Protein backbone atom coordinates (compact mmCIF):
# COMPACT_ATOMS: atom_id res chain seq x y z
CA MET A 1 84.55 95.34 81.22
CA THR A 2 83.37 95.88 84.77
CA ALA A 3 83.52 93.69 87.87
CA THR A 4 81.85 94.40 91.23
CA ALA A 5 82.20 92.64 94.58
CA SER A 6 79.52 93.26 97.23
CA CYS A 7 79.35 93.15 101.01
CA LEU A 8 76.69 91.19 102.86
CA ALA A 9 73.64 92.98 104.29
CA GLY A 10 74.59 95.09 107.32
CA GLU A 11 78.23 95.41 106.25
CA SER A 12 80.11 98.29 104.66
CA VAL A 13 83.37 98.59 102.75
CA VAL A 14 86.67 99.09 104.56
CA GLY A 15 88.87 98.31 101.53
CA GLY A 16 89.03 96.68 98.14
CA GLY A 17 91.03 96.02 95.03
CA PHE A 18 91.35 93.88 91.94
CA ALA A 19 93.24 91.28 89.96
CA ALA A 20 93.62 91.78 86.20
CA SER A 21 95.22 89.92 83.32
CA THR A 22 96.84 93.19 82.14
CA GLY A 23 97.41 96.64 83.64
CA ASN A 24 94.69 98.50 81.71
CA ILE A 25 92.46 99.59 84.62
CA ARG A 26 90.31 102.71 84.20
CA ASP A 27 88.45 102.84 87.56
CA ASN A 28 88.97 101.17 90.95
CA PHE A 29 86.61 102.51 93.65
CA PRO A 30 84.14 101.81 96.49
CA SER A 31 80.56 101.72 95.20
CA GLY A 32 76.97 101.69 96.44
CA GLY A 33 75.64 103.30 99.59
CA PRO A 34 76.31 105.56 101.38
CA PRO A 35 78.08 104.05 103.16
CA PRO A 36 79.74 102.08 100.34
CA THR A 37 78.59 98.45 100.10
CA GLY A 38 80.79 97.17 97.27
CA TRP A 39 83.92 97.61 95.17
CA THR A 40 83.89 98.21 91.40
CA VAL A 41 86.70 97.89 88.85
CA THR A 42 86.47 98.96 85.19
CA THR A 43 88.98 98.18 82.45
CA THR A 44 89.81 99.97 79.22
CA SER A 45 89.86 96.76 77.16
CA ALA A 46 88.48 93.22 77.09
CA GLN A 47 90.41 91.27 79.72
CA THR A 48 89.85 89.05 82.74
CA ILE A 49 89.30 91.06 85.94
CA THR A 50 88.19 90.20 89.45
CA ALA A 51 87.05 92.72 92.07
CA PHE A 52 87.73 92.10 95.77
CA VAL A 53 86.05 93.81 98.73
CA LEU A 54 86.90 93.84 102.44
CA CYS A 55 83.80 94.43 104.56
CA ALA A 56 83.03 95.04 108.23
CA THR A 57 79.81 95.03 110.24
CA THR A 58 78.67 98.53 111.00
CA THR A 59 76.63 99.70 113.97
CA PRO A 60 74.57 102.88 114.06
């Protein structure tokens, strides 16, 4: 299973994480971009997972 949380337009990732019903996480990483615009979590088995992302407005 995979869960992804995304930033709003004009924002980029400054951190992220997950909540899972068990500890079987395969991947936990910033995604999209560059710069990254989301956070993705992948599990090794069927379980409930939630991805969280912390975003900030970026200026060129």
